[in-house]
Amino acid sequence: MRSLKLEEIEEEYKDLWPGGHWRPKECKSRQKVAIVVPYRNREPHLRTFLHNIHRFLQKQQLDYAIFIALRVYPFDCIIFNDIDTYPENDNLLYRCSTDPKYTRHFSVYMERTGYKELYPEFVGGVLALTVEQLRKVNGYSNDFWGWGQEDDDLNKSKVSQHELYKKDRGNEPHP
């Protein structure tokens, strides 16, 4: 994964709207997707992430915006994406589950973990929730500062309590 300077990323993706928003011109996306990226003092990771994720999402013809800071827009799906986690191939559809009863966890099995589950409660990395699911669990806890455990807390105390999470055996195929 290449890391460019921010100016190079802006030049390469000059068709982005202000705030990191992009919409395909030749079709209408099935969902409007917000990707929320926690970020603090890791600019090389941010640059690598932005360079790679824009290309990935535009290939999927998504109407999307990436938020480093939260803004208001009527999204259908909110994806919480750690800065050091991005898709390994183009076959992964970045969107919420078509079954409103369940969230969607994209990073259960990753190359860096040998495609093995880290531990049963793990919902970190990349997690997609509908706006209604996010309201139902009342978001992430404010008790965590810095890095770690906020994802596990969300799963233990909220997502599993509302039975919004199940591990699937794969994702729906890319159309």
N, C-alpha and C. Protein backbone atom coordinates (compact mmCIF):
# COMPACT_ATOMS: atom_id res chain seq x y z
N MET A 1 0.84 -1.17 0.00
CA MET A 1 0.00 0.00 0.00
C MET A 1 0.89 1.24 0.00
N ARG A 2 0.67 2.10 -0.99
CA ARG A 2 1.47 3.32 -1.12
C ARG A 2 0.95 4.42 -0.21
N SER A 3 1.89 5.23 0.28
CA SER A 3 1.53 6.40 1.06
C SER A 3 1.98 7.64 0.29
N LEU A 4 1.03 8.46 -0.12
CA LEU A 4 1.32 9.68 -0.85
C LEU A 4 1.26 10.87 0.09
N LYS A 5 1.76 12.01 -0.37
CA LYS A 5 1.57 13.25 0.37
C LYS A 5 0.11 13.66 0.22
N LEU A 6 -0.41 14.40 1.20
CA LEU A 6 -1.81 14.83 1.13
C LEU A 6 -2.11 15.62 -0.15
N GLU A 7 -1.15 16.43 -0.60
CA GLU A 7 -1.34 17.20 -1.83
C GLU A 7 -1.49 16.28 -3.03
N GLU A 8 -0.74 15.17 -3.06
CA GLU A 8 -0.83 14.21 -4.16
C GLU A 8 -2.19 13.50 -4.14
N ILE A 9 -2.68 13.20 -2.96
CA ILE A 9 -3.99 12.55 -2.84
C ILE A 9 -5.08 13.51 -3.33
N GLU A 10 -4.99 14.78 -2.94
CA GLU A 10 -5.96 15.78 -3.40
C GLU A 10 -5.93 15.90 -4.91
N GLU A 11 -4.76 15.86 -5.51
CA GLU A 11 -4.63 15.95 -6.96
C GLU A 11 -5.20 14.71 -7.64
N GLU A 12 -4.91 13.53 -7.11
CA GLU A 12 -5.39 12.29 -7.71
C GLU A 12 -6.91 12.16 -7.62
N TYR A 13 -7.49 12.66 -6.53
CA TYR A 13 -8.94 12.54 -6.32
C TYR A 13 -9.59 13.91 -6.32
N LYS A 14 -9.30 14.71 -7.34
CA LYS A 14 -9.82 16.08 -7.38
C LYS A 14 -11.32 16.15 -7.66
N ASP A 15 -11.95 15.01 -7.99
CA ASP A 15 -13.40 15.01 -8.19
C ASP A 15 -14.17 14.77 -6.89
N LEU A 16 -13.46 14.71 -5.75
CA LEU A 16 -14.13 14.61 -4.45
C LEU A 16 -14.81 15.93 -4.11
N TRP A 17 -15.95 15.86 -3.48
CA TRP A 17 -16.62 17.04 -2.98
C TRP A 17 -15.95 17.43 -1.67
N PRO A 18 -16.18 18.66 -1.20
CA PRO A 18 -15.61 19.05 0.09
C PRO A 18 -16.01 18.06 1.19
N GLY A 19 -15.09 17.76 2.06
CA GLY A 19 -15.35 16.84 3.16
C GLY A 19 -15.14 15.38 2.81
N GLY A 20 -14.52 15.07 1.66
CA GLY A 20 -14.25 13.68 1.32
C GLY A 20 -15.46 12.91 0.82
N HIS A 21 -16.40 13.61 0.16
CA HIS A 21 -17.63 12.99 -0.35
C HIS A 21 -17.49 12.75 -1.85
N TRP A 22 -17.94 11.59 -2.30
CA TRP A 22 -17.91 11.24 -3.72
C TRP A 22 -19.19 10.52 -4.08
N ARG A 23 -19.68 10.78 -5.29
CA ARG A 23 -20.90 10.14 -5.80
C ARG A 23 -20.64 9.81 -7.27
N PRO A 24 -21.00 8.60 -7.70
CA PRO A 24 -20.79 8.25 -9.11
C PRO A 24 -21.68 9.10 -10.02
N LYS A 25 -21.16 9.44 -11.19
CA LYS A 25 -21.92 10.26 -12.14
C LYS A 25 -22.81 9.41 -13.03
N GLU A 26 -22.40 8.17 -13.30
CA GLU A 26 -23.09 7.35 -14.29
C GLU A 26 -24.15 6.40 -13.72
N CYS A 27 -24.36 6.39 -12.41
CA CYS A 27 -25.39 5.52 -11.82
C CYS A 27 -25.80 6.06 -10.45
N LYS A 28 -26.86 5.49 -9.89
CA LYS A 28 -27.31 5.86 -8.55
C LYS A 28 -26.95 4.72 -7.60
N SER A 29 -26.23 5.03 -6.55
CA SER A 29 -25.83 4.01 -5.57
C SER A 29 -27.03 3.48 -4.82
N ARG A 30 -26.92 2.22 -4.39
CA ARG A 30 -28.00 1.60 -3.61
C ARG A 30 -28.07 2.18 -2.20
N GLN A 31 -26.92 2.58 -1.66
CA GLN A 31 -26.87 3.15 -0.32
C GLN A 31 -25.94 4.35 -0.32
N LYS A 32 -26.22 5.28 0.60
CA LYS A 32 -25.29 6.36 0.89
C LYS A 32 -24.52 5.91 2.12
N VAL A 33 -23.21 5.85 2.02
CA VAL A 33 -22.39 5.24 3.07
C VAL A 33 -21.47 6.27 3.72
N ALA A 34 -21.50 6.32 5.04
CA ALA A 34 -20.58 7.15 5.82
C ALA A 34 -19.52 6.24 6.41
N ILE A 35 -18.27 6.61 6.26
CA ILE A 35 -17.17 5.85 6.84
C ILE A 35 -16.51 6.76 7.87
N VAL A 36 -16.56 6.33 9.13
CA VAL A 36 -16.02 7.11 10.24
C VAL A 36 -14.68 6.51 10.62
N VAL A 37 -13.63 7.35 10.58
CA VAL A 37 -12.28 6.87 10.83
C VAL A 37 -11.71 7.55 12.07
N PRO A 38 -11.50 6.79 13.15
CA PRO A 38 -10.83 7.38 14.31
C PRO A 38 -9.39 7.72 13.94
N TYR A 39 -8.94 8.90 14.29
CA TYR A 39 -7.60 9.32 13.88
C TYR A 39 -6.97 10.17 14.97
N ARG A 40 -5.68 9.88 15.24
CA ARG A 40 -4.92 10.71 16.16
C ARG A 40 -3.44 10.50 15.91
N ASN A 41 -2.77 11.54 15.48
CA ASN A 41 -1.31 11.58 15.37
C ASN A 41 -0.71 10.42 14.57
N ARG A 42 -1.36 9.99 13.51
CA ARG A 42 -0.82 8.92 12.67
C ARG A 42 -0.96 9.30 11.21
N GLU A 43 -0.39 10.44 10.84
CA GLU A 43 -0.58 10.96 9.49
C GLU A 43 -0.13 9.99 8.40
N PRO A 44 0.99 9.27 8.54
CA PRO A 44 1.34 8.31 7.47
C PRO A 44 0.23 7.27 7.25
N HIS A 45 -0.38 6.78 8.34
CA HIS A 45 -1.49 5.83 8.20
C HIS A 45 -2.68 6.49 7.52
N LEU A 46 -2.98 7.73 7.90
CA LEU A 46 -4.10 8.45 7.31
C LEU A 46 -3.90 8.61 5.80
N ARG A 47 -2.71 9.01 5.39
CA ARG A 47 -2.44 9.20 3.97
C ARG A 47 -2.56 7.89 3.20
N THR A 48 -2.01 6.81 3.74
CA THR A 48 -2.11 5.49 3.10
C THR A 48 -3.56 5.06 3.01
N PHE A 49 -4.28 5.22 4.10
CA PHE A 49 -5.69 4.84 4.14
C PHE A 49 -6.50 5.61 3.09
N LEU A 50 -6.38 6.95 3.09
CA LEU A 50 -7.16 7.76 2.16
C LEU A 50 -6.86 7.42 0.71
N HIS A 51 -5.58 7.28 0.39
CA HIS A 51 -5.20 6.95 -0.98
C HIS A 51 -5.84 5.64 -1.43
N ASN A 52 -5.81 4.64 -0.59
CA ASN A 52 -6.31 3.31 -0.97
C ASN A 52 -7.82 3.18 -0.86
N ILE A 53 -8.43 3.77 0.15
CA ILE A 53 -9.87 3.58 0.34
C ILE A 53 -10.68 4.34 -0.71
N HIS A 54 -10.23 5.52 -1.15
CA HIS A 54 -10.97 6.25 -2.19
C HIS A 54 -11.03 5.42 -3.47
N ARG A 55 -9.91 4.88 -3.89
CA ARG A 55 -9.88 4.06 -5.11
C ARG A 55 -10.82 2.86 -4.96
N PHE A 56 -10.74 2.20 -3.82
CA PHE A 56 -11.56 1.02 -3.54
C PHE A 56 -13.05 1.34 -3.60
N LEU A 57 -13.48 2.40 -2.92
CA LEU A 57 -14.90 2.75 -2.86
C LEU A 57 -15.43 3.25 -4.19
N GLN A 58 -14.61 3.98 -4.95
CA GLN A 58 -15.05 4.48 -6.24
C GLN A 58 -15.24 3.35 -7.25
N LYS A 59 -14.43 2.31 -7.16
CA LYS A 59 -14.63 1.14 -8.02
C LYS A 59 -15.99 0.50 -7.77
N GLN A 60 -16.48 0.61 -6.55
CA GLN A 60 -17.78 0.04 -6.19
C GLN A 60 -18.95 0.98 -6.51
N GLN A 61 -18.64 2.15 -7.06
CA GLN A 61 -19.66 3.12 -7.44
C GLN A 61 -20.55 3.52 -6.25
N LEU A 62 -19.93 3.69 -5.08
CA LEU A 62 -20.67 4.07 -3.88
C LEU A 62 -20.82 5.59 -3.78
N ASP A 63 -21.93 6.03 -3.25
CA ASP A 63 -22.12 7.41 -2.82
C ASP A 63 -21.63 7.41 -1.37
N TYR A 64 -20.45 7.98 -1.13
CA TYR A 64 -19.85 7.85 0.20
C TYR A 64 -19.19 9.14 0.65
N ALA A 65 -18.96 9.21 1.95
CA ALA A 65 -18.15 10.27 2.54
C ALA A 65 -17.32 9.64 3.65
N ILE A 66 -16.10 10.12 3.78
CA ILE A 66 -15.21 9.65 4.84
C ILE A 66 -15.11 10.77 5.86
N PHE A 67 -15.37 10.43 7.11
CA PHE A 67 -15.34 11.42 8.18
C PHE A 67 -14.17 11.17 9.11
N ILE A 68 -13.31 12.15 9.18
CA ILE A 68 -12.28 12.16 10.20
C ILE A 68 -12.86 12.90 11.41
N ALA A 69 -13.75 13.80 11.14
CA ALA A 69 -14.56 14.49 12.17
C ALA A 69 -16.01 14.38 11.72
N LEU A 70 -16.93 14.14 12.65
CA LEU A 70 -18.32 13.87 12.31
C LEU A 70 -19.06 15.12 11.84
N ARG A 71 -19.82 14.96 10.76
CA ARG A 71 -20.69 16.02 10.24
C ARG A 71 -22.07 15.42 9.99
N VAL A 72 -23.05 16.25 9.74
CA VAL A 72 -24.42 15.77 9.57
C VAL A 72 -24.74 15.57 8.09
N TYR A 73 -25.29 14.38 7.77
CA TYR A 73 -25.74 14.03 6.42
C TYR A 73 -26.66 12.82 6.57
N PRO A 74 -27.72 12.69 5.79
CA PRO A 74 -28.68 11.59 5.99
C PRO A 74 -28.20 10.25 5.43
N PHE A 75 -27.26 9.61 6.08
CA PHE A 75 -26.72 8.34 5.61
C PHE A 75 -27.61 7.17 6.01
N ASP A 76 -27.55 6.09 5.23
CA ASP A 76 -28.26 4.85 5.54
C ASP A 76 -27.41 3.94 6.40
N CYS A 77 -26.10 4.06 6.26
CA CYS A 77 -25.16 3.11 6.84
C CYS A 77 -23.96 3.88 7.41
N ILE A 78 -23.53 3.51 8.60
CA ILE A 78 -22.35 4.11 9.22
C ILE A 78 -21.31 3.00 9.36
N ILE A 79 -20.14 3.22 8.80
CA ILE A 79 -19.05 2.24 8.91
C ILE A 79 -17.95 2.85 9.76
N PHE A 80 -17.65 2.18 10.87
CA PHE A 80 -16.55 2.60 11.74
C PHE A 80 -15.32 1.83 11.28
N ASN A 81 -14.32 2.57 10.81
CA ASN A 81 -13.16 1.98 10.17
C ASN A 81 -11.88 2.44 10.86
N ASP A 82 -11.17 1.50 11.52
CA ASP A 82 -9.89 1.85 12.13
C ASP A 82 -8.91 2.31 11.05
N ILE A 83 -8.05 3.22 11.41
CA ILE A 83 -7.12 3.82 10.46
C ILE A 83 -6.12 2.82 9.89
N ASP A 84 -5.84 1.75 10.62
CA ASP A 84 -4.85 0.77 10.15
C ASP A 84 -5.51 -0.48 9.54
N THR A 85 -6.78 -0.39 9.18
CA THR A 85 -7.49 -1.53 8.59
C THR A 85 -8.18 -1.08 7.31
N TYR A 86 -7.89 -1.78 6.22
CA TYR A 86 -8.55 -1.49 4.95
C TYR A 86 -8.73 -2.79 4.18
N PRO A 87 -9.63 -2.79 3.19
CA PRO A 87 -9.96 -4.02 2.47
C PRO A 87 -8.75 -4.64 1.78
N GLU A 88 -8.72 -5.96 1.78
CA GLU A 88 -7.63 -6.70 1.15
C GLU A 88 -7.88 -6.94 -0.33
N ASN A 89 -9.14 -6.85 -0.78
CA ASN A 89 -9.43 -7.00 -2.20
C ASN A 89 -10.73 -6.28 -2.53
N ASP A 90 -11.04 -6.21 -3.82
CA ASP A 90 -12.21 -5.45 -4.28
C ASP A 90 -13.53 -6.21 -4.16
N ASN A 91 -13.52 -7.43 -3.67
CA ASN A 91 -14.74 -8.23 -3.59
C ASN A 91 -15.60 -7.93 -2.36
N LEU A 92 -15.06 -7.21 -1.42
CA LEU A 92 -15.78 -6.90 -0.18
C LEU A 92 -16.69 -5.68 -0.40
N LEU A 93 -17.98 -5.85 -0.21
CA LEU A 93 -18.92 -4.75 -0.39
C LEU A 93 -19.00 -3.93 0.90
N TYR A 94 -18.60 -2.67 0.81
CA TYR A 94 -18.63 -1.77 1.96
C TYR A 94 -20.02 -1.19 2.09
N ARG A 95 -20.89 -1.89 2.80
CA ARG A 95 -22.23 -1.39 3.06
C ARG A 95 -22.82 -2.19 4.22
N CYS A 96 -23.93 -1.70 4.73
CA CYS A 96 -24.59 -2.39 5.84
C CYS A 96 -25.27 -3.66 5.37
N SER A 97 -25.55 -4.52 6.32
CA SER A 97 -26.25 -5.77 6.04
C SER A 97 -27.61 -5.48 5.42
N THR A 98 -28.04 -6.35 4.52
CA THR A 98 -29.37 -6.21 3.95
C THR A 98 -30.43 -6.69 4.93
N ASP A 99 -30.01 -7.37 5.99
CA ASP A 99 -30.91 -7.80 7.06
C ASP A 99 -30.79 -6.80 8.20
N PRO A 100 -31.81 -5.96 8.44
CA PRO A 100 -31.71 -4.91 9.45
C PRO A 100 -31.54 -5.43 10.87
N LYS A 101 -31.68 -6.73 11.07
CA LYS A 101 -31.50 -7.30 12.42
C LYS A 101 -30.02 -7.39 12.80
N TYR A 102 -29.11 -7.29 11.82
CA TYR A 102 -27.70 -7.55 12.11
C TYR A 102 -26.77 -6.44 11.64
N THR A 103 -25.74 -6.21 12.45
CA THR A 103 -24.65 -5.34 12.03
C THR A 103 -23.78 -6.15 11.07
N ARG A 104 -22.76 -5.50 10.50
CA ARG A 104 -21.86 -6.19 9.59
C ARG A 104 -20.42 -5.92 10.04
N HIS A 105 -19.68 -6.98 10.35
CA HIS A 105 -18.29 -6.87 10.80
C HIS A 105 -17.40 -7.34 9.67
N PHE A 106 -16.59 -6.43 9.12
CA PHE A 106 -15.79 -6.73 7.95
C PHE A 106 -14.43 -7.34 8.27
N SER A 107 -13.96 -7.23 9.49
CA SER A 107 -12.58 -7.62 9.78
C SER A 107 -12.48 -8.75 10.79
N VAL A 108 -13.33 -9.75 10.65
CA VAL A 108 -13.25 -10.92 11.53
C VAL A 108 -12.01 -11.73 11.18
N TYR A 109 -11.80 -11.95 9.89
CA TYR A 109 -10.67 -12.76 9.41
C TYR A 109 -9.81 -11.89 8.50
N MET A 110 -8.55 -11.66 8.92
CA MET A 110 -7.66 -10.78 8.16
C MET A 110 -6.31 -11.47 7.94
N GLU A 111 -5.61 -11.00 6.92
CA GLU A 111 -4.29 -11.56 6.62
C GLU A 111 -3.36 -11.43 7.82
N ARG A 112 -3.38 -10.27 8.47
CA ARG A 112 -2.44 -10.04 9.57
C ARG A 112 -2.69 -10.93 10.78
N THR A 113 -3.87 -11.60 10.84
CA THR A 113 -4.14 -12.55 11.92
C THR A 113 -4.12 -13.99 11.41
N GLY A 114 -3.60 -14.17 10.19
CA GLY A 114 -3.56 -15.50 9.60
C GLY A 114 -4.96 -16.01 9.28
N TYR A 115 -5.88 -15.08 9.03
CA TYR A 115 -7.29 -15.40 8.73
C TYR A 115 -7.93 -16.23 9.84
N LYS A 116 -7.49 -15.96 11.06
CA LYS A 116 -8.09 -16.59 12.23
C LYS A 116 -8.74 -15.49 13.07
N GLU A 117 -9.83 -15.87 13.71
CA GLU A 117 -10.54 -14.94 14.59
C GLU A 117 -9.66 -14.62 15.79
N LEU A 118 -9.52 -13.34 16.13
CA LEU A 118 -8.69 -12.95 17.28
C LEU A 118 -9.27 -13.51 18.57
N TYR A 119 -10.54 -13.27 18.83
CA TYR A 119 -11.26 -13.80 19.99
C TYR A 119 -12.75 -13.57 19.73
N PRO A 120 -13.61 -14.35 20.35
CA PRO A 120 -15.04 -14.33 20.01
C PRO A 120 -15.72 -12.96 20.13
N GLU A 121 -15.30 -12.12 21.06
CA GLU A 121 -15.96 -10.83 21.28
C GLU A 121 -15.46 -9.74 20.34
N PHE A 122 -14.44 -10.01 19.54
CA PHE A 122 -13.81 -8.99 18.71
C PHE A 122 -14.78 -8.45 17.65
N VAL A 123 -15.03 -7.15 17.69
CA VAL A 123 -15.78 -6.48 16.63
C VAL A 123 -15.02 -5.23 16.15
N GLY A 124 -13.72 -5.20 16.40
CA GLY A 124 -12.91 -4.05 16.00
C GLY A 124 -12.55 -4.08 14.53
N GLY A 125 -11.78 -3.09 14.12
CA GLY A 125 -11.33 -3.00 12.74
C GLY A 125 -12.30 -2.22 11.89
N VAL A 126 -13.32 -2.92 11.38
CA VAL A 126 -14.33 -2.30 10.52
C VAL A 126 -15.70 -2.88 10.87
N LEU A 127 -16.60 -2.01 11.31
CA LEU A 127 -17.94 -2.44 11.72
C LEU A 127 -18.97 -1.52 11.09
N ALA A 128 -20.00 -2.10 10.45
CA ALA A 128 -21.06 -1.33 9.80
C ALA A 128 -22.37 -1.48 10.57
N LEU A 129 -23.00 -0.34 10.85
CA LEU A 129 -24.31 -0.33 11.51
C LEU A 129 -25.22 0.62 10.74
N THR A 130 -26.49 0.29 10.69
CA THR A 130 -27.44 1.25 10.14
C THR A 130 -27.61 2.37 11.16
N VAL A 131 -28.16 3.47 10.72
CA VAL A 131 -28.40 4.59 11.64
C VAL A 131 -29.32 4.14 12.77
N GLU A 132 -30.33 3.35 12.45
CA GLU A 132 -31.26 2.85 13.47
C GLU A 132 -30.54 1.95 14.48
N GLN A 133 -29.64 1.07 14.02
CA GLN A 133 -28.88 0.21 14.93
C GLN A 133 -28.00 1.05 15.85
N LEU A 134 -27.37 2.08 15.29
CA LEU A 134 -26.51 2.95 16.09
C LEU A 134 -27.33 3.66 17.17
N ARG A 135 -28.52 4.10 16.81
CA ARG A 135 -29.40 4.72 17.81
C ARG A 135 -29.82 3.71 18.88
N LYS A 136 -30.13 2.50 18.45
CA LYS A 136 -30.60 1.46 19.37
C LYS A 136 -29.56 1.13 20.44
N VAL A 137 -28.28 1.09 20.06
CA VAL A 137 -27.23 0.76 21.03
C VAL A 137 -26.66 2.02 21.69
N ASN A 138 -27.15 3.19 21.28
CA ASN A 138 -26.73 4.47 21.84
C ASN A 138 -25.24 4.75 21.62
N GLY A 139 -24.71 4.28 20.50
CA GLY A 139 -23.33 4.59 20.12
C GLY A 139 -22.28 3.96 21.01
N TYR A 140 -21.06 4.44 20.85
CA TYR A 140 -19.92 3.96 21.63
C TYR A 140 -19.89 4.63 23.00
N SER A 141 -19.30 3.95 23.96
CA SER A 141 -19.16 4.48 25.31
C SER A 141 -18.19 5.66 25.32
N ASN A 142 -18.43 6.61 26.22
CA ASN A 142 -17.52 7.73 26.42
C ASN A 142 -16.47 7.41 27.48
N ASP A 143 -16.48 6.20 28.01
CA ASP A 143 -15.56 5.82 29.09
C ASP A 143 -14.17 5.45 28.60
N PHE A 144 -13.96 5.38 27.29
CA PHE A 144 -12.67 4.93 26.76
C PHE A 144 -11.94 6.09 26.12
N TRP A 145 -10.67 6.23 26.47
CA TRP A 145 -9.81 7.26 25.91
C TRP A 145 -8.57 6.58 25.38
N GLY A 146 -8.05 7.09 24.27
CA GLY A 146 -6.88 6.46 23.66
C GLY A 146 -7.33 5.30 22.80
N TRP A 147 -6.51 4.27 22.73
CA TRP A 147 -6.77 3.15 21.83
C TRP A 147 -7.17 1.90 22.60
N GLY A 148 -8.22 1.26 22.16
CA GLY A 148 -8.53 -0.08 22.62
C GLY A 148 -9.75 -0.26 23.49
N GLN A 149 -10.33 -1.42 23.37
CA GLN A 149 -11.45 -1.95 24.15
C GLN A 149 -12.81 -1.30 23.90
N GLU A 150 -12.89 -0.17 23.23
CA GLU A 150 -14.20 0.43 23.00
C GLU A 150 -15.06 -0.45 22.10
N ASP A 151 -14.42 -1.15 21.15
CA ASP A 151 -15.17 -2.05 20.27
C ASP A 151 -15.74 -3.24 21.05
N ASP A 152 -14.89 -3.84 21.90
CA ASP A 152 -15.34 -4.98 22.71
C ASP A 152 -16.47 -4.55 23.64
N ASP A 153 -16.34 -3.36 24.22
CA ASP A 153 -17.37 -2.85 25.11
C ASP A 153 -18.69 -2.67 24.35
N LEU A 154 -18.61 -2.13 23.15
CA LEU A 154 -19.80 -1.95 22.34
C LEU A 154 -20.46 -3.31 22.09
N ASN A 155 -19.67 -4.31 21.77
CA ASN A 155 -20.22 -5.64 21.51
C ASN A 155 -20.84 -6.26 22.76
N LYS A 156 -20.08 -6.26 23.86
CA LYS A 156 -20.55 -6.91 25.09
C LYS A 156 -21.79 -6.24 25.67
N SER A 157 -21.73 -4.93 25.77
CA SER A 157 -22.79 -4.25 26.51
C SER A 157 -23.97 -3.84 25.66
N LYS A 158 -23.79 -3.76 24.35
CA LYS A 158 -24.87 -3.19 23.55
C LYS A 158 -25.29 -4.04 22.37
N VAL A 159 -24.37 -4.32 21.46
CA VAL A 159 -24.72 -5.03 20.24
C VAL A 159 -25.24 -6.42 20.54
N SER A 160 -24.52 -7.19 21.38
CA SER A 160 -24.97 -8.55 21.68
C SER A 160 -26.25 -8.53 22.53
N GLN A 161 -26.40 -7.53 23.37
CA GLN A 161 -27.60 -7.41 24.20
C GLN A 161 -28.85 -7.25 23.33
N HIS A 162 -28.72 -6.52 22.23
CA HIS A 162 -29.84 -6.31 21.32
C HIS A 162 -29.87 -7.36 20.20
N GLU A 163 -28.97 -8.35 20.29
CA GLU A 163 -28.87 -9.43 19.31
C GLU A 163 -28.73 -8.89 17.89
N LEU A 164 -27.83 -7.92 17.72
CA LEU A 164 -27.60 -7.31 16.42
C LEU A 164 -26.37 -7.88 15.71
N TYR A 165 -25.72 -8.87 16.31
CA TYR A 165 -24.46 -9.33 15.74
C TYR A 165 -24.46 -10.84 15.61
N LYS A 166 -24.07 -11.32 14.47
CA LYS A 166 -23.81 -12.74 14.28
C LYS A 166 -22.67 -12.85 13.28
N LYS A 167 -21.88 -13.89 13.40
CA LYS A 167 -20.78 -14.11 12.47
C LYS A 167 -21.31 -14.92 11.30
N ASP A 168 -21.11 -14.40 10.10
CA ASP A 168 -21.56 -15.15 8.94
C ASP A 168 -20.43 -15.99 8.37
N ARG A 169 -20.74 -16.80 7.41
CA ARG A 169 -19.74 -17.66 6.78
C ARG A 169 -19.20 -17.03 5.50
N GLY A 170 -19.51 -15.78 5.29
CA GLY A 170 -19.04 -15.07 4.11
C GLY A 170 -20.00 -13.94 3.80
N ASN A 171 -19.62 -13.11 2.88
CA ASN A 171 -20.44 -11.97 2.51
C ASN A 171 -21.11 -12.22 1.17
N GLU A 172 -22.19 -11.49 0.93
CA GLU A 172 -22.87 -11.62 -0.35
C GLU A 172 -21.91 -11.29 -1.48
N PRO A 173 -22.03 -11.95 -2.63
CA PRO A 173 -21.09 -11.71 -3.73
C PRO A 173 -21.26 -10.32 -4.31
N HIS A 174 -20.17 -9.79 -4.82
CA HIS A 174 -20.15 -8.49 -5.50
C HIS A 174 -20.92 -8.64 -6.81
N PRO A 175 -21.87 -7.73 -7.11
CA PRO A 175 -22.67 -7.87 -8.35
C PRO A 175 -21.83 -7.71 -9.61
